[in-house]
């Protein structure tokens, strides 16, 4: 993995919000159910990856880390082009928790929390992220989670006091285990944004949410 010293020379995108939260986008999966890399799919003029990075950055995350199996290649280039920092994930086989751990290992000591958002949630709105970061700023609880009509979604904000627990290798359900361990302390933020629960995981999901882009990508050959 690259050393963390290079973080100091990366351009900082300052948020008007006083709290220091970084976004984390896991992007190490093989996209086996989709059959093509989710990160690079067209979401209406931007890729899934660009949509998530932009929502996190404009919503108040000072920096966004994208975890990839390699710091080279088109996905890494796309991430950097959208203003993110690429972090090498040495354990992609661990799933999203491996990506989160790779990011946590390079997060600065003064960062107060991370907003964890899968790349297959490209419809999340900037206003949603801002509402979550504002709630995170206004209370000292360990977790902030958005809800849409009573259903929890992404991104999930983890405070620094949970980082050691997230780095524990004995988590049966990854980050979900940590969330379940702290259900009593979750701050839920109701939002009118069904993007938080819209997981575009396979081609049928993609066709339903992006019919035009689906036709251009898969039916125009």
Protein backbone atom coordinates (compact mmCIF):
# COMPACT_ATOMS: atom_id res chain seq x y z
CA UNK A 1 0.00 0.00 0.00
CA UNK A 2 1.16 3.53 -0.60
CA UNK A 3 2.41 5.52 2.38
CA UNK A 4 0.10 8.18 3.77
CA UNK A 5 2.57 11.06 3.45
CA UNK A 6 1.23 11.98 0.03
CA UNK A 7 -2.09 13.01 1.60
CA UNK A 8 -0.49 16.25 2.71
CA UNK A 9 0.07 17.37 -0.86
CA UNK A 10 -3.41 16.56 -2.11
CA UNK A 11 -5.61 19.58 -2.80
CA UNK A 12 -8.10 19.97 0.04
CA UNK A 13 -11.73 20.59 -0.80
CA UNK A 14 -12.91 22.63 2.16
CA UNK A 15 -16.45 22.15 3.41
CA UNK A 16 -18.39 25.06 4.90
CA UNK A 17 -19.38 22.68 7.70
CA UNK A 18 -17.07 22.77 10.75
CA UNK A 19 -16.81 19.02 11.31
CA UNK A 20 -14.11 17.04 9.54
CA UNK A 21 -15.78 14.06 7.83
CA UNK A 22 -14.26 12.13 4.95
CA UNK A 23 -16.23 10.09 2.45
CA UNK A 24 -15.34 6.45 1.75
CA UNK A 25 -16.47 4.68 -1.42
CA UNK A 26 -15.82 0.91 -1.57
CA UNK A 27 -15.02 0.00 -5.13
CA UNK A 28 -13.16 -3.31 -4.91
CA UNK A 29 -15.89 -5.76 -5.89
CA UNK A 30 -15.96 -7.77 -9.09
CA UNK A 31 -19.50 -6.64 -10.01
CA UNK A 32 -20.31 -10.27 -10.77
CA UNK A 33 -24.08 -9.76 -10.65
CA UNK A 34 -23.88 -6.73 -12.92
CA UNK A 35 -21.48 -8.37 -15.36
CA UNK A 36 -19.59 -5.10 -15.90
CA UNK A 37 -17.90 -2.68 -13.47
CA UNK A 38 -20.65 -0.75 -11.66
CA UNK A 39 -18.37 2.20 -11.02
CA UNK A 40 -18.13 3.01 -14.73
CA UNK A 41 -21.81 2.68 -15.67
CA UNK A 42 -23.50 5.78 -17.05
CA UNK A 43 -25.93 7.39 -14.61
CA UNK A 44 -27.05 10.14 -16.98
CA UNK A 45 -23.93 11.98 -18.05
CA UNK A 46 -21.76 10.88 -15.14
CA UNK A 47 -20.57 7.47 -14.03
CA UNK A 48 -21.87 5.86 -10.85
CA UNK A 49 -18.51 6.57 -9.23
CA UNK A 50 -18.55 10.25 -10.17
CA UNK A 51 -22.10 10.64 -8.87
CA UNK A 52 -21.23 9.22 -5.46
CA UNK A 53 -17.99 11.20 -5.15
CA UNK A 54 -19.67 14.46 -6.13
CA UNK A 55 -22.58 13.94 -3.70
CA UNK A 56 -20.18 13.25 -0.84
CA UNK A 57 -17.91 16.19 -1.62
CA UNK A 58 -20.67 18.73 -2.21
CA UNK A 59 -22.57 17.40 0.77
CA UNK A 60 -19.79 18.32 3.19
CA UNK A 61 -17.08 15.63 3.12
CA UNK A 62 -13.70 17.36 3.09
CA UNK A 63 -12.11 14.53 1.17
CA UNK A 64 -13.34 11.34 -0.47
CA UNK A 65 -11.37 8.09 -0.46
CA UNK A 66 -12.07 5.45 -3.10
CA UNK A 67 -10.84 1.95 -2.21
CA UNK A 68 -9.67 -0.11 -5.19
CA UNK A 69 -7.62 -3.31 -5.62
CA UNK A 70 -5.13 -1.23 -7.65
CA UNK A 71 -4.29 2.46 -7.78
CA UNK A 72 -3.92 2.18 -11.56
CA UNK A 73 -6.46 1.72 -14.34
CA UNK A 74 -9.54 3.52 -15.68
CA UNK A 75 -11.58 3.39 -12.46
CA UNK A 76 -8.72 4.91 -10.46
CA UNK A 77 -8.29 7.60 -13.12
CA UNK A 78 -12.01 8.37 -13.03
CA UNK A 79 -11.93 8.65 -9.23
CA UNK A 80 -9.03 11.09 -9.30
CA UNK A 81 -10.68 13.09 -12.05
CA UNK A 82 -13.72 13.56 -9.80
CA UNK A 83 -11.53 14.85 -6.98
CA UNK A 84 -11.13 11.70 -4.88
CA UNK A 85 -8.05 10.08 -3.38
CA UNK A 86 -7.46 6.47 -4.45
CA UNK A 87 -6.53 4.00 -1.71
CA UNK A 88 -5.20 0.55 -2.49
CA UNK A 89 -7.22 -2.24 -0.89
CA UNK A 90 -4.99 -5.28 -0.32
CA UNK A 91 -7.94 -7.48 0.71
CA UNK A 92 -10.70 -7.09 -1.90
CA UNK A 93 -11.90 -10.61 -1.14
CA UNK A 94 -13.19 -9.35 2.22
CA UNK A 95 -15.91 -7.34 0.49
CA UNK A 96 -16.95 -3.79 1.44
CA UNK A 97 -15.46 -4.06 4.94
CA UNK A 98 -12.04 -4.63 3.37
CA UNK A 99 -12.44 -1.39 1.42
CA UNK A 100 -13.52 0.47 4.55
CA UNK A 101 -10.55 -0.83 6.54
CA UNK A 102 -8.13 0.18 3.78
CA UNK A 103 -9.54 3.71 3.91
CA UNK A 104 -9.52 3.93 7.71
CA UNK A 105 -5.83 3.08 7.77
CA UNK A 106 -4.99 6.26 5.87
CA UNK A 107 -7.49 8.61 7.50
CA UNK A 108 -5.76 11.39 9.46
CA UNK A 109 -5.91 11.33 13.24
CA UNK A 110 -7.89 14.57 13.36
CA UNK A 111 -10.70 13.29 11.14
CA UNK A 112 -13.85 12.98 13.25
CA UNK A 113 -15.77 10.50 11.12
CA UNK A 114 -16.32 8.83 7.76
CA UNK A 115 -19.36 8.67 5.50
CA UNK A 116 -19.43 5.18 4.02
CA UNK A 117 -21.30 4.97 0.70
CA UNK A 118 -21.31 2.05 -1.77
CA UNK A 119 -20.71 2.87 -5.42
CA UNK A 120 -24.00 1.22 -6.42
CA UNK A 121 -25.99 4.09 -4.82
CA UNK A 122 -25.55 6.79 -7.49
CA UNK A 123 -28.91 8.46 -6.84
CA UNK A 124 -28.12 9.81 -3.37
CA UNK A 125 -28.70 13.55 -3.28
CA UNK A 126 -26.23 16.21 -2.14
CA UNK A 127 -28.85 17.58 0.28
CA UNK A 128 -29.07 14.19 1.98
CA UNK A 129 -25.34 14.05 2.63
CA UNK A 130 -25.41 17.60 3.96
CA UNK A 131 -28.27 16.76 6.33
CA UNK A 132 -26.31 13.77 7.66
CA UNK A 133 -23.09 15.74 8.16
CA UNK A 134 -25.06 18.49 9.90
CA UNK A 135 -26.61 15.95 12.27
CA UNK A 136 -23.17 14.43 12.85
CA UNK A 137 -21.90 17.91 13.74
CA UNK A 138 -24.76 18.65 16.11
CA UNK A 139 -24.58 15.48 18.23
CA UNK A 140 -21.83 13.26 19.59
CA UNK A 141 -23.38 9.86 18.91
CA UNK A 142 -21.34 7.14 17.17
CA UNK A 143 -23.59 6.63 14.14
CA UNK A 144 -25.73 8.72 11.81
CA UNK A 145 -27.98 6.95 9.31
CA UNK A 146 -30.52 8.28 6.79
CA UNK A 147 -34.00 6.82 6.58
CA UNK A 148 -36.54 6.92 3.78
CA UNK A 149 -40.09 6.07 4.84
CA UNK A 150 -38.75 4.21 7.83
CA UNK A 151 -36.09 2.24 5.99
CA UNK A 152 -32.40 2.80 6.74
CA UNK A 153 -29.98 3.39 3.89
CA UNK A 154 -26.64 4.90 2.88
CA UNK A 155 -24.38 6.69 3.46
CA UNK A 156 -23.69 5.66 7.05
CA UNK A 157 -21.57 8.03 9.13
CA UNK A 158 -19.23 6.38 11.64
CA UNK A 159 -17.57 8.47 14.34
CA UNK A 160 -13.89 7.97 15.11
CA UNK A 161 -14.62 6.09 18.33
CA UNK A 162 -15.89 3.19 16.17
CA UNK A 163 -12.82 2.96 13.93
CA UNK A 164 -11.02 0.37 16.07
CA UNK A 165 -14.15 -1.77 16.11
CA UNK A 166 -14.47 -1.52 12.32
CA UNK A 167 -10.82 -2.59 11.97
CA UNK A 168 -11.50 -5.75 14.00
CA UNK A 169 -11.11 -8.76 11.71
CA UNK A 170 -13.83 -10.69 13.59
CA UNK A 171 -16.96 -9.05 12.18
CA UNK A 172 -19.41 -11.70 10.87
CA UNK A 173 -21.37 -9.19 8.76
CA UNK A 174 -18.71 -6.56 8.25
CA UNK A 175 -19.73 -2.97 9.02
CA UNK A 176 -23.32 -4.13 9.54
CA UNK A 177 -22.16 -5.95 12.68
CA UNK A 178 -20.87 -2.68 14.11
CA UNK A 179 -24.13 -0.92 13.25
CA UNK A 180 -26.11 -3.66 15.01
CA UNK A 181 -23.83 -3.40 18.05
CA UNK A 182 -24.82 0.25 18.43
CA UNK A 183 -28.48 0.28 17.42
CA UNK A 184 -29.37 2.00 20.69
CA UNK A 185 -27.17 4.97 19.79
CA UNK A 186 -28.06 5.54 16.12
CA UNK A 187 -29.14 9.02 15.10
CA UNK A 188 -31.64 8.57 12.29
CA UNK A 189 -32.20 11.36 9.79
CA UNK A 190 -35.46 11.10 7.80
CA UNK A 191 -34.98 12.30 4.21
CA UNK A 192 -37.12 12.51 1.09
CA UNK A 193 -34.50 10.73 -0.99
CA UNK A 194 -35.19 7.20 -2.17
CA UNK A 195 -31.63 7.12 -3.49
CA UNK A 196 -30.45 6.11 -0.03
CA UNK A 197 -32.22 2.75 -0.40
CA UNK A 198 -31.78 2.32 -4.15
CA UNK A 199 -29.10 -0.34 -4.55
CA UNK A 200 -28.44 -0.83 -8.28
CA UNK A 201 -26.93 -4.26 -8.06
CA UNK A 202 -27.69 -6.01 -11.36
CA UNK A 203 -28.76 -5.32 -14.94
CA UNK A 204 -32.46 -5.45 -14.17
CA UNK A 205 -31.97 -2.74 -11.53
CA UNK A 206 -29.95 -0.69 -14.00
CA UNK A 207 -32.58 -1.02 -16.72
CA UNK A 208 -35.34 0.02 -14.32
CA UNK A 209 -33.60 3.15 -13.05
CA UNK A 210 -31.65 4.16 -16.16
CA UNK A 211 -33.62 2.76 -19.17
CA UNK A 212 -32.04 5.06 -21.76
CA UNK A 213 -28.50 4.41 -20.59
CA UNK A 214 -29.24 0.69 -20.46
CA UNK A 215 -30.42 0.68 -24.08
CA UNK A 216 -27.39 2.63 -25.27
CA UNK A 217 -24.97 0.42 -23.37
CA UNK A 218 -26.46 -3.03 -23.83
CA UNK A 219 -28.93 -2.94 -26.72
CA UNK A 220 -27.23 -0.80 -29.34
CA UNK A 221 -24.58 -3.32 -30.33
